[in-house]
Amino acid sequence: MLYDFYKILEISRSASMEDIKKAYRLKAKLVHPDINNSPKANEVFAIVSEAYETLTDEKTRYLYDIKLDKIETEKATAERKKQYYGSSIKNDSYPNGIHPNYQSEWSSLNNYIYKEKTDEHYYKKSPWLYNLFFACGILIGFIIIIVMIVGTIRNYWPSPFVLISISGIILVREGWKGIMGKKNFLSKVFKVFRK
């Protein structure tokens, strides 16, 4: 399977050696098996390393560029044939057994390794820290509300400053939703008060 190493390293075809090295270092930091615990990290890192080795050697890069241009030309030709003859004609296949979506395998690997972490992931990793984060948000929200209301009542600042307490209300609401969204001890306690 031939990958587009330029897309993998997220660089242009005219990238300099420095650009290639910089892009490789950034990618390697994300996909290296010692850092990334994904089961396919070894496979992805091998592809990224192959991209680096191919693009940093001038002779290999030149040959790779020729091969990539040939594949893109064949792909464009096949697309033209497909549009002209329709999809029922056998000539619309890609020559030399090259799959039309030679990037699709890389995309699936890339999506697999860069899975976005959800709240559920952070909660499972450290439930007390997760809940502490939301509890701190609630506390800060209450402090903002109280300071704004008391300061306005005692005429420390003009009455429009009470509107700043809206940010405190938002913090309290979001913190409450965060704590109530997960099944834990605090959510059970708060549910009793909510009923």
N, C-alpha and C. Protein backbone atom coordinates (compact mmCIF):
# COMPACT_ATOMS: atom_id res chain seq x y z
N MET A 1 0.85 -1.18 0.00
CA MET A 1 0.00 0.00 0.00
C MET A 1 0.89 1.23 0.00
N LEU A 2 0.65 2.14 -0.95
CA LEU A 2 1.43 3.37 -1.03
C LEU A 2 0.66 4.49 -0.36
N TYR A 3 1.30 5.14 0.60
CA TYR A 3 0.68 6.25 1.30
C TYR A 3 1.21 7.56 0.75
N ASP A 4 0.43 8.61 0.89
CA ASP A 4 0.91 9.95 0.55
C ASP A 4 1.64 10.48 1.78
N PHE A 5 2.96 10.35 1.77
CA PHE A 5 3.76 10.73 2.94
C PHE A 5 3.66 12.22 3.25
N TYR A 6 3.40 13.01 2.23
CA TYR A 6 3.26 14.46 2.47
C TYR A 6 2.02 14.74 3.30
N LYS A 7 0.93 14.03 3.01
CA LYS A 7 -0.29 14.22 3.80
C LYS A 7 -0.14 13.65 5.20
N ILE A 8 0.60 12.56 5.30
CA ILE A 8 0.80 11.95 6.62
C ILE A 8 1.57 12.90 7.53
N LEU A 9 2.63 13.52 7.00
CA LEU A 9 3.41 14.46 7.80
C LEU A 9 2.81 15.86 7.80
N GLU A 10 1.73 16.05 7.02
CA GLU A 10 1.03 17.32 6.94
C GLU A 10 1.95 18.44 6.48
N ILE A 11 2.62 18.20 5.35
CA ILE A 11 3.51 19.18 4.75
C ILE A 11 3.20 19.29 3.26
N SER A 12 3.73 20.33 2.62
CA SER A 12 3.51 20.49 1.18
C SER A 12 4.55 19.68 0.41
N ARG A 13 4.31 19.49 -0.88
CA ARG A 13 5.24 18.73 -1.71
C ARG A 13 6.57 19.46 -1.87
N SER A 14 6.57 20.77 -1.66
CA SER A 14 7.80 21.55 -1.81
C SER A 14 8.50 21.81 -0.48
N ALA A 15 8.17 21.03 0.53
CA ALA A 15 8.73 21.25 1.88
C ALA A 15 10.24 21.03 1.89
N SER A 16 10.91 21.86 2.69
CA SER A 16 12.36 21.73 2.83
C SER A 16 12.70 20.62 3.83
N MET A 17 13.99 20.29 3.92
CA MET A 17 14.43 19.25 4.88
C MET A 17 14.08 19.65 6.30
N GLU A 18 14.24 20.93 6.63
CA GLU A 18 13.93 21.41 7.98
C GLU A 18 12.44 21.24 8.29
N ASP A 19 11.60 21.55 7.28
CA ASP A 19 10.15 21.39 7.46
C ASP A 19 9.80 19.91 7.69
N ILE A 20 10.45 19.03 6.94
CA ILE A 20 10.18 17.60 7.07
C ILE A 20 10.59 17.11 8.46
N LYS A 21 11.77 17.52 8.90
CA LYS A 21 12.26 17.09 10.22
C LYS A 21 11.36 17.61 11.33
N LYS A 22 10.93 18.87 11.20
CA LYS A 22 10.05 19.46 12.22
C LYS A 22 8.71 18.73 12.26
N ALA A 23 8.15 18.47 11.08
CA ALA A 23 6.86 17.77 11.00
C ALA A 23 6.98 16.36 11.56
N TYR A 24 8.09 15.68 11.27
CA TYR A 24 8.29 14.32 11.78
C TYR A 24 8.37 14.33 13.31
N ARG A 25 9.12 15.28 13.87
CA ARG A 25 9.24 15.33 15.32
C ARG A 25 7.88 15.54 15.99
N LEU A 26 7.07 16.43 15.41
CA LEU A 26 5.74 16.68 15.98
C LEU A 26 4.86 15.43 15.91
N LYS A 27 4.88 14.75 14.75
CA LYS A 27 4.08 13.53 14.59
C LYS A 27 4.57 12.43 15.51
N ALA A 28 5.90 12.26 15.58
CA ALA A 28 6.46 11.18 16.40
C ALA A 28 6.10 11.36 17.87
N LYS A 29 6.03 12.60 18.33
CA LYS A 29 5.65 12.84 19.72
C LYS A 29 4.24 12.35 20.01
N LEU A 30 3.37 12.39 18.99
CA LEU A 30 1.99 11.98 19.19
C LEU A 30 1.77 10.48 19.04
N VAL A 31 2.51 9.86 18.11
CA VAL A 31 2.20 8.46 17.77
C VAL A 31 3.23 7.46 18.27
N HIS A 32 4.29 7.90 18.92
CA HIS A 32 5.31 6.95 19.38
C HIS A 32 4.69 5.97 20.37
N PRO A 33 4.98 4.67 20.22
CA PRO A 33 4.37 3.66 21.09
C PRO A 33 4.66 3.85 22.59
N ASP A 34 5.76 4.51 22.93
CA ASP A 34 6.05 4.75 24.35
C ASP A 34 5.11 5.80 24.94
N ILE A 35 4.58 6.66 24.09
CA ILE A 35 3.70 7.73 24.56
C ILE A 35 2.25 7.38 24.33
N ASN A 36 1.94 6.87 23.15
CA ASN A 36 0.57 6.56 22.77
C ASN A 36 0.28 5.10 23.07
N ASN A 37 -0.74 4.84 23.88
CA ASN A 37 -1.02 3.46 24.30
C ASN A 37 -2.02 2.76 23.39
N SER A 38 -2.25 3.30 22.20
CA SER A 38 -3.15 2.67 21.25
C SER A 38 -2.54 1.36 20.75
N PRO A 39 -3.37 0.32 20.51
CA PRO A 39 -2.83 -0.95 20.02
C PRO A 39 -2.18 -0.84 18.64
N LYS A 40 -2.57 0.16 17.85
CA LYS A 40 -2.00 0.31 16.52
C LYS A 40 -0.89 1.35 16.48
N ALA A 41 -0.40 1.78 17.62
CA ALA A 41 0.63 2.81 17.66
C ALA A 41 1.90 2.37 16.94
N ASN A 42 2.29 1.09 17.09
CA ASN A 42 3.50 0.60 16.40
C ASN A 42 3.36 0.71 14.89
N GLU A 43 2.19 0.32 14.39
CA GLU A 43 1.95 0.35 12.95
C GLU A 43 1.97 1.79 12.41
N VAL A 44 1.32 2.69 13.12
CA VAL A 44 1.27 4.09 12.69
C VAL A 44 2.66 4.72 12.77
N PHE A 45 3.38 4.43 13.85
CA PHE A 45 4.72 4.99 14.00
C PHE A 45 5.65 4.48 12.89
N ALA A 46 5.49 3.22 12.50
CA ALA A 46 6.30 2.67 11.41
C ALA A 46 6.03 3.41 10.10
N ILE A 47 4.77 3.74 9.85
CA ILE A 47 4.43 4.48 8.63
C ILE A 47 5.00 5.89 8.67
N VAL A 48 4.89 6.55 9.82
CA VAL A 48 5.43 7.90 9.97
C VAL A 48 6.95 7.88 9.81
N SER A 49 7.61 6.87 10.37
CA SER A 49 9.07 6.74 10.23
C SER A 49 9.46 6.49 8.78
N GLU A 50 8.68 5.65 8.10
CA GLU A 50 8.95 5.39 6.68
C GLU A 50 8.79 6.67 5.86
N ALA A 51 7.80 7.46 6.20
CA ALA A 51 7.60 8.75 5.50
C ALA A 51 8.81 9.64 5.70
N TYR A 52 9.31 9.70 6.92
CA TYR A 52 10.48 10.53 7.22
C TYR A 52 11.72 10.05 6.46
N GLU A 53 11.95 8.75 6.51
CA GLU A 53 13.13 8.20 5.83
C GLU A 53 13.06 8.40 4.32
N THR A 54 11.88 8.26 3.75
CA THR A 54 11.72 8.43 2.30
C THR A 54 11.92 9.88 1.90
N LEU A 55 11.37 10.81 2.65
CA LEU A 55 11.40 12.21 2.24
C LEU A 55 12.70 12.92 2.59
N THR A 56 13.49 12.36 3.50
CA THR A 56 14.75 13.02 3.84
C THR A 56 15.90 12.59 2.93
N ASP A 57 15.76 11.47 2.26
CA ASP A 57 16.78 11.03 1.30
C ASP A 57 16.40 11.58 -0.08
N GLU A 58 17.26 12.40 -0.69
CA GLU A 58 16.91 13.10 -1.92
C GLU A 58 16.59 12.14 -3.07
N LYS A 59 17.38 11.11 -3.23
CA LYS A 59 17.15 10.17 -4.34
C LYS A 59 15.84 9.40 -4.14
N THR A 60 15.64 8.91 -2.92
CA THR A 60 14.41 8.18 -2.63
C THR A 60 13.19 9.08 -2.76
N ARG A 61 13.32 10.33 -2.33
CA ARG A 61 12.21 11.28 -2.44
C ARG A 61 11.86 11.54 -3.91
N TYR A 62 12.89 11.70 -4.74
CA TYR A 62 12.66 11.93 -6.16
C TYR A 62 11.90 10.76 -6.79
N LEU A 63 12.33 9.54 -6.50
CA LEU A 63 11.65 8.36 -7.04
C LEU A 63 10.22 8.23 -6.49
N TYR A 64 10.07 8.55 -5.22
CA TYR A 64 8.74 8.50 -4.60
C TYR A 64 7.80 9.52 -5.25
N ASP A 65 8.32 10.73 -5.52
CA ASP A 65 7.50 11.76 -6.16
C ASP A 65 7.04 11.32 -7.54
N ILE A 66 7.93 10.66 -8.29
CA ILE A 66 7.56 10.16 -9.62
C ILE A 66 6.45 9.12 -9.49
N LYS A 67 6.61 8.21 -8.53
CA LYS A 67 5.60 7.16 -8.33
C LYS A 67 4.26 7.76 -7.91
N LEU A 68 4.31 8.76 -7.03
CA LEU A 68 3.09 9.41 -6.56
C LEU A 68 2.39 10.17 -7.70
N ASP A 69 3.18 10.84 -8.53
CA ASP A 69 2.61 11.54 -9.70
C ASP A 69 1.95 10.55 -10.65
N LYS A 70 2.60 9.40 -10.86
CA LYS A 70 2.05 8.38 -11.76
C LYS A 70 0.71 7.86 -11.24
N ILE A 71 0.64 7.61 -9.95
CA ILE A 71 -0.59 7.10 -9.35
C ILE A 71 -1.70 8.14 -9.45
N GLU A 72 -1.36 9.40 -9.19
CA GLU A 72 -2.38 10.45 -9.27
C GLU A 72 -2.86 10.63 -10.71
N THR A 73 -1.95 10.48 -11.69
CA THR A 73 -2.34 10.57 -13.10
C THR A 73 -3.26 9.41 -13.47
N GLU A 74 -2.90 8.20 -13.03
CA GLU A 74 -3.73 7.03 -13.31
C GLU A 74 -5.10 7.16 -12.65
N LYS A 75 -5.12 7.73 -11.48
CA LYS A 75 -6.38 7.91 -10.77
C LYS A 75 -7.26 8.91 -11.53
N ALA A 76 -6.65 10.01 -11.99
CA ALA A 76 -7.42 11.01 -12.75
C ALA A 76 -7.93 10.42 -14.07
N THR A 77 -7.10 9.61 -14.73
CA THR A 77 -7.51 8.96 -15.98
C THR A 77 -8.68 8.02 -15.73
N ALA A 78 -8.58 7.24 -14.70
CA ALA A 78 -9.66 6.31 -14.37
C ALA A 78 -10.95 7.05 -14.05
N GLU A 79 -10.84 8.19 -13.36
CA GLU A 79 -12.02 8.99 -13.06
C GLU A 79 -12.67 9.52 -14.33
N ARG A 80 -11.82 9.98 -15.26
CA ARG A 80 -12.34 10.47 -16.54
C ARG A 80 -13.06 9.35 -17.29
N LYS A 81 -12.44 8.16 -17.32
CA LYS A 81 -13.07 7.02 -18.00
C LYS A 81 -14.40 6.66 -17.34
N LYS A 82 -14.41 6.74 -16.03
CA LYS A 82 -15.62 6.40 -15.28
C LYS A 82 -16.74 7.39 -15.63
N GLN A 83 -16.39 8.67 -15.71
CA GLN A 83 -17.39 9.67 -16.05
C GLN A 83 -17.87 9.51 -17.50
N TYR A 84 -16.94 9.17 -18.39
CA TYR A 84 -17.29 9.06 -19.81
C TYR A 84 -18.07 7.79 -20.11
N TYR A 85 -17.55 6.64 -19.63
CA TYR A 85 -18.15 5.36 -19.96
C TYR A 85 -19.21 4.91 -18.95
N GLY A 86 -19.16 5.45 -17.77
CA GLY A 86 -20.06 4.99 -16.72
C GLY A 86 -19.38 3.92 -15.88
N SER A 87 -19.98 3.58 -14.77
CA SER A 87 -19.34 2.65 -13.84
C SER A 87 -19.46 1.20 -14.26
N SER A 88 -20.24 0.89 -15.31
CA SER A 88 -20.39 -0.50 -15.72
C SER A 88 -19.22 -0.99 -16.58
N ILE A 89 -18.41 -0.08 -17.09
CA ILE A 89 -17.28 -0.45 -17.94
C ILE A 89 -16.13 -0.91 -17.06
N LYS A 90 -15.44 -1.97 -17.47
CA LYS A 90 -14.35 -2.51 -16.66
C LYS A 90 -13.10 -1.63 -16.71
N ASN A 91 -13.02 -0.71 -17.65
CA ASN A 91 -11.84 0.15 -17.78
C ASN A 91 -11.76 1.22 -16.70
N ASP A 92 -12.77 1.32 -15.85
CA ASP A 92 -12.72 2.37 -14.84
C ASP A 92 -11.99 1.93 -13.58
N SER A 93 -11.41 0.74 -13.59
CA SER A 93 -10.64 0.29 -12.43
C SER A 93 -9.25 0.90 -12.48
N TYR A 94 -8.57 0.85 -11.35
CA TYR A 94 -7.24 1.44 -11.27
C TYR A 94 -6.19 0.41 -11.67
N PRO A 95 -5.24 0.81 -12.48
CA PRO A 95 -4.23 -0.14 -12.97
C PRO A 95 -3.26 -0.57 -11.89
N ASN A 96 -2.57 -1.64 -12.20
CA ASN A 96 -1.49 -2.17 -11.35
C ASN A 96 -1.98 -2.57 -9.95
N GLY A 97 -3.26 -2.80 -9.82
CA GLY A 97 -3.78 -3.26 -8.52
C GLY A 97 -3.72 -2.21 -7.44
N ILE A 98 -3.61 -0.93 -7.80
CA ILE A 98 -3.56 0.12 -6.80
C ILE A 98 -4.98 0.46 -6.40
N HIS A 99 -5.23 0.46 -5.14
CA HIS A 99 -6.57 0.75 -4.63
C HIS A 99 -6.85 2.23 -4.85
N PRO A 100 -8.08 2.59 -5.27
CA PRO A 100 -8.37 3.99 -5.54
C PRO A 100 -8.24 4.89 -4.32
N ASN A 101 -8.51 4.34 -3.17
CA ASN A 101 -8.41 5.14 -1.95
C ASN A 101 -7.19 4.70 -1.15
N TYR A 102 -6.02 4.96 -1.71
CA TYR A 102 -4.82 4.50 -1.01
C TYR A 102 -4.59 5.28 0.27
N GLN A 103 -5.36 6.35 0.48
CA GLN A 103 -5.25 7.10 1.72
C GLN A 103 -6.26 6.60 2.76
N SER A 104 -7.24 5.83 2.34
CA SER A 104 -8.30 5.44 3.27
C SER A 104 -7.76 4.61 4.43
N GLU A 105 -6.79 3.74 4.13
CA GLU A 105 -6.24 2.91 5.21
C GLU A 105 -5.52 3.80 6.22
N TRP A 106 -4.76 4.79 5.71
CA TRP A 106 -4.07 5.71 6.62
C TRP A 106 -5.08 6.49 7.44
N SER A 107 -6.17 6.93 6.82
CA SER A 107 -7.19 7.71 7.54
C SER A 107 -7.79 6.88 8.67
N SER A 108 -8.06 5.61 8.39
CA SER A 108 -8.66 4.78 9.44
C SER A 108 -7.66 4.54 10.58
N LEU A 109 -6.39 4.35 10.24
CA LEU A 109 -5.37 4.20 11.28
C LEU A 109 -5.25 5.48 12.08
N ASN A 110 -5.22 6.59 11.37
CA ASN A 110 -5.06 7.89 12.01
C ASN A 110 -6.22 8.18 12.94
N ASN A 111 -7.46 7.90 12.50
CA ASN A 111 -8.62 8.11 13.34
C ASN A 111 -8.59 7.20 14.56
N TYR A 112 -8.09 5.98 14.37
CA TYR A 112 -8.04 5.01 15.46
C TYR A 112 -7.09 5.48 16.55
N ILE A 113 -5.96 6.03 16.14
CA ILE A 113 -4.94 6.39 17.13
C ILE A 113 -5.21 7.74 17.78
N TYR A 114 -5.92 8.60 17.06
CA TYR A 114 -6.21 9.92 17.60
C TYR A 114 -7.62 10.00 18.16
N LYS A 115 -8.10 8.93 18.75
CA LYS A 115 -9.44 8.96 19.31
C LYS A 115 -9.53 10.08 20.35
N GLU A 116 -10.58 10.87 20.22
CA GLU A 116 -10.75 11.98 21.13
C GLU A 116 -11.19 11.44 22.49
N LYS A 117 -10.60 11.99 23.54
CA LYS A 117 -10.95 11.55 24.88
C LYS A 117 -12.23 12.24 25.31
N THR A 118 -13.11 11.49 25.94
CA THR A 118 -14.39 12.02 26.38
C THR A 118 -14.36 12.22 27.89
N ASP A 119 -15.44 12.83 28.39
CA ASP A 119 -15.55 13.01 29.84
C ASP A 119 -15.52 11.67 30.56
N GLU A 120 -16.12 10.66 29.92
CA GLU A 120 -16.16 9.33 30.52
C GLU A 120 -14.74 8.80 30.74
N HIS A 121 -13.84 9.06 29.79
CA HIS A 121 -12.45 8.61 29.91
C HIS A 121 -11.78 9.26 31.12
N TYR A 122 -11.94 10.59 31.24
CA TYR A 122 -11.32 11.31 32.36
C TYR A 122 -11.93 10.87 33.69
N TYR A 123 -13.24 10.63 33.69
CA TYR A 123 -13.89 10.21 34.93
C TYR A 123 -13.37 8.84 35.37
N LYS A 124 -13.25 7.90 34.43
CA LYS A 124 -12.77 6.57 34.78
C LYS A 124 -11.32 6.61 35.26
N LYS A 125 -10.53 7.51 34.68
CA LYS A 125 -9.12 7.60 35.04
C LYS A 125 -8.94 8.09 36.47
N SER A 126 -9.70 9.12 36.84
CA SER A 126 -9.56 9.67 38.19
C SER A 126 -10.88 10.33 38.62
N PRO A 127 -11.81 9.55 39.20
CA PRO A 127 -13.12 10.12 39.54
C PRO A 127 -13.07 11.24 40.57
N TRP A 128 -12.18 11.13 41.56
CA TRP A 128 -12.12 12.18 42.58
C TRP A 128 -11.62 13.49 42.00
N LEU A 129 -10.61 13.41 41.15
CA LEU A 129 -10.08 14.62 40.53
C LEU A 129 -11.12 15.24 39.59
N TYR A 130 -11.82 14.39 38.89
CA TYR A 130 -12.87 14.84 37.97
C TYR A 130 -13.95 15.60 38.74
N ASN A 131 -14.41 15.02 39.85
CA ASN A 131 -15.44 15.67 40.66
C ASN A 131 -14.92 16.92 41.36
N LEU A 132 -13.65 16.89 41.76
CA LEU A 132 -13.05 18.05 42.42
C LEU A 132 -13.02 19.24 41.46
N PHE A 133 -12.77 18.98 40.20
CA PHE A 133 -12.76 20.03 39.19
C PHE A 133 -14.13 20.73 39.15
N PHE A 134 -15.19 19.97 39.10
CA PHE A 134 -16.53 20.56 39.04
C PHE A 134 -16.91 21.20 40.37
N ALA A 135 -16.50 20.61 41.48
CA ALA A 135 -16.80 21.20 42.79
C ALA A 135 -16.11 22.56 42.93
N CYS A 136 -14.88 22.67 42.42
CA CYS A 136 -14.17 23.96 42.45
C CYS A 136 -14.90 24.98 41.59
N GLY A 137 -15.42 24.54 40.46
CA GLY A 137 -16.20 25.45 39.61
C GLY A 137 -17.43 25.97 40.33
N ILE A 138 -18.11 25.08 41.04
CA ILE A 138 -19.29 25.50 41.81
C ILE A 138 -18.90 26.50 42.89
N LEU A 139 -17.81 26.22 43.62
CA LEU A 139 -17.35 27.10 44.69
C LEU A 139 -16.98 28.49 44.14
N ILE A 140 -16.22 28.52 43.06
CA ILE A 140 -15.83 29.80 42.46
C ILE A 140 -17.07 30.55 41.98
N GLY A 141 -18.04 29.82 41.40
CA GLY A 141 -19.28 30.45 40.97
C GLY A 141 -20.02 31.11 42.11
N PHE A 142 -20.13 30.39 43.24
CA PHE A 142 -20.80 30.97 44.41
C PHE A 142 -20.06 32.19 44.93
N ILE A 143 -18.74 32.14 44.94
CA ILE A 143 -17.94 33.29 45.42
C ILE A 143 -18.20 34.51 44.53
N ILE A 144 -18.22 34.30 43.20
CA ILE A 144 -18.48 35.41 42.28
C ILE A 144 -19.86 36.01 42.53
N ILE A 145 -20.86 35.14 42.69
CA ILE A 145 -22.23 35.62 42.92
C ILE A 145 -22.31 36.43 44.21
N ILE A 146 -21.77 35.88 45.28
CA ILE A 146 -21.86 36.55 46.59
C ILE A 146 -21.10 37.87 46.58
N VAL A 147 -19.89 37.89 46.04
CA VAL A 147 -19.09 39.12 46.02
C VAL A 147 -19.78 40.21 45.20
N MET A 148 -20.34 39.85 44.06
CA MET A 148 -21.01 40.85 43.22
C MET A 148 -22.26 41.41 43.90
N ILE A 149 -23.06 40.53 44.50
CA ILE A 149 -24.30 41.00 45.14
C ILE A 149 -23.99 41.84 46.38
N VAL A 150 -23.10 41.34 47.24
CA VAL A 150 -22.76 42.09 48.47
C VAL A 150 -22.08 43.41 48.11
N GLY A 151 -21.19 43.40 47.15
CA GLY A 151 -20.51 44.64 46.74
C GLY A 151 -21.46 45.67 46.19
N THR A 152 -22.47 45.23 45.47
CA THR A 152 -23.45 46.16 44.93
C THR A 152 -24.36 46.71 46.02
N ILE A 153 -24.76 45.84 46.96
CA ILE A 153 -25.62 46.28 48.06
C ILE A 153 -24.89 47.31 48.94
N ARG A 154 -23.63 47.11 49.18
CA ARG A 154 -22.86 48.02 50.04
C ARG A 154 -22.26 49.20 49.25
N ASN A 155 -22.62 49.31 47.99
CA ASN A 155 -22.19 50.41 47.12
C ASN A 155 -20.68 50.49 46.93
N TYR A 156 -20.01 49.33 46.85
CA TYR A 156 -18.58 49.33 46.53
C TYR A 156 -18.37 49.63 45.05
N TRP A 157 -19.33 49.27 44.23
CA TRP A 157 -19.28 49.55 42.80
C TRP A 157 -20.71 49.76 42.28
N PRO A 158 -20.82 50.29 41.07
CA PRO A 158 -22.17 50.58 40.54
C PRO A 158 -23.00 49.32 40.35
N SER A 159 -24.31 49.50 40.31
CA SER A 159 -25.24 48.37 40.21
C SER A 159 -25.09 47.52 38.95
N PRO A 160 -24.65 48.05 37.79
CA PRO A 160 -24.49 47.16 36.63
C PRO A 160 -23.47 46.02 36.85
N PHE A 161 -22.61 46.17 37.85
CA PHE A 161 -21.63 45.12 38.12
C PHE A 161 -22.29 43.82 38.58
N VAL A 162 -23.57 43.89 38.97
CA VAL A 162 -24.30 42.69 39.37
C VAL A 162 -24.36 41.72 38.19
N LEU A 163 -24.33 42.24 36.97
CA LEU A 163 -24.39 41.38 35.78
C LEU A 163 -23.19 40.42 35.71
N ILE A 164 -22.09 40.76 36.37
CA ILE A 164 -20.93 39.86 36.38
C ILE A 164 -21.28 38.56 37.09
N SER A 165 -22.28 38.62 37.98
CA SER A 165 -22.68 37.40 38.70
C SER A 165 -23.27 36.36 37.75
N ILE A 166 -23.63 36.75 36.53
CA ILE A 166 -24.12 35.78 35.54
C ILE A 166 -23.06 34.72 35.26
N SER A 167 -21.79 35.16 35.19
CA SER A 167 -20.71 34.18 34.97
C SER A 167 -20.63 33.19 36.14
N GLY A 168 -20.88 33.67 37.36
CA GLY A 168 -20.90 32.78 38.52
C GLY A 168 -22.05 31.78 38.44
N ILE A 169 -23.21 32.25 37.96
CA ILE A 169 -24.37 31.36 37.80
C ILE A 169 -24.06 30.28 36.78
N ILE A 170 -23.40 30.67 35.70
CA ILE A 170 -23.02 29.69 34.66
C ILE A 170 -22.06 28.66 35.23
N LEU A 171 -21.07 29.10 36.01
CA LEU A 171 -20.11 28.17 36.61
C LEU A 171 -20.81 27.17 37.55
N VAL A 172 -21.73 27.68 38.35
CA VAL A 172 -22.46 26.80 39.28
C VAL A 172 -23.28 25.79 38.48
N ARG A 173 -23.98 26.26 37.46
CA ARG A 173 -24.83 25.36 36.66
C ARG A 173 -24.01 24.28 35.96
N GLU A 174 -22.89 24.68 35.32
CA GLU A 174 -22.07 23.70 34.60
C GLU A 174 -21.39 22.72 35.56
N GLY A 175 -20.94 23.21 36.71
CA GLY A 175 -20.36 22.33 37.71
C GLY A 175 -21.36 21.32 38.22
N TRP A 176 -22.59 21.79 38.44
CA TRP A 176 -23.66 20.90 38.89
C TRP A 176 -23.94 19.83 37.85
N LYS A 177 -24.04 20.24 36.58
CA LYS A 177 -24.30 19.28 35.51
C LYS A 177 -23.15 18.26 35.41
N GLY A 178 -21.92 18.72 35.62
CA GLY A 178 -20.77 17.81 35.54
C GLY A 178 -20.79 16.77 36.63
N ILE A 179 -21.14 17.18 37.84
CA ILE A 179 -21.18 16.24 38.95
C ILE A 179 -22.37 15.29 38.81
N MET A 180 -23.51 15.81 38.39
CA MET A 180 -24.71 14.98 38.28
C MET A 180 -24.67 14.05 37.08
N GLY A 181 -23.82 14.34 36.12
CA GLY A 181 -23.77 13.53 34.90
C GLY A 181 -23.12 12.17 35.09
N LYS A 182 -22.35 11.98 36.13
CA LYS A 182 -21.64 10.72 36.35
C LYS A 182 -22.20 10.02 37.59
N LYS A 183 -22.18 8.71 37.55
CA LYS A 183 -22.67 7.93 38.68
C LYS A 183 -21.56 7.85 39.73
N ASN A 184 -21.71 8.57 40.82
CA ASN A 184 -20.71 8.54 41.87
C ASN A 184 -21.38 8.87 43.20
N PHE A 185 -20.60 8.90 44.23
CA PHE A 185 -21.13 9.15 45.57
C PHE A 185 -21.76 10.53 45.67
N LEU A 186 -21.08 11.55 45.15
CA LEU A 186 -21.60 12.91 45.24
C LEU A 186 -22.91 13.06 44.48
N SER A 187 -23.03 12.40 43.33
CA SER A 187 -24.27 12.53 42.57
C SER A 187 -25.43 11.90 43.33
N LYS A 188 -25.17 10.80 44.05
CA LYS A 188 -26.23 10.17 44.84
C LYS A 188 -26.67 11.09 45.98
N VAL A 189 -25.69 11.76 46.62
CA VAL A 189 -26.02 12.68 47.71
C VAL A 189 -26.83 13.85 47.17
N PHE A 190 -26.38 14.43 46.05
CA PHE A 190 -27.07 15.60 45.49
C PHE A 190 -28.45 15.24 44.96
N LYS A 191 -28.65 14.00 44.49
CA LYS A 191 -29.96 13.59 43.99
C LYS A 191 -30.99 13.60 45.11
N VAL A 192 -30.56 13.28 46.32
CA VAL A 192 -31.48 13.28 47.46
C VAL A 192 -32.02 14.70 47.67
N PHE A 193 -31.14 15.71 47.55
CA PHE A 193 -31.56 17.09 47.75
C PHE A 193 -32.37 17.61 46.56
N ARG A 194 -32.16 17.04 45.41
CA ARG A 194 -32.84 17.51 44.22
C ARG A 194 -34.30 17.07 44.18
N LYS A 195 -34.63 15.94 44.84
CA LYS A 195 -36.00 15.41 44.81
C LYS A 195 -36.95 16.20 45.66
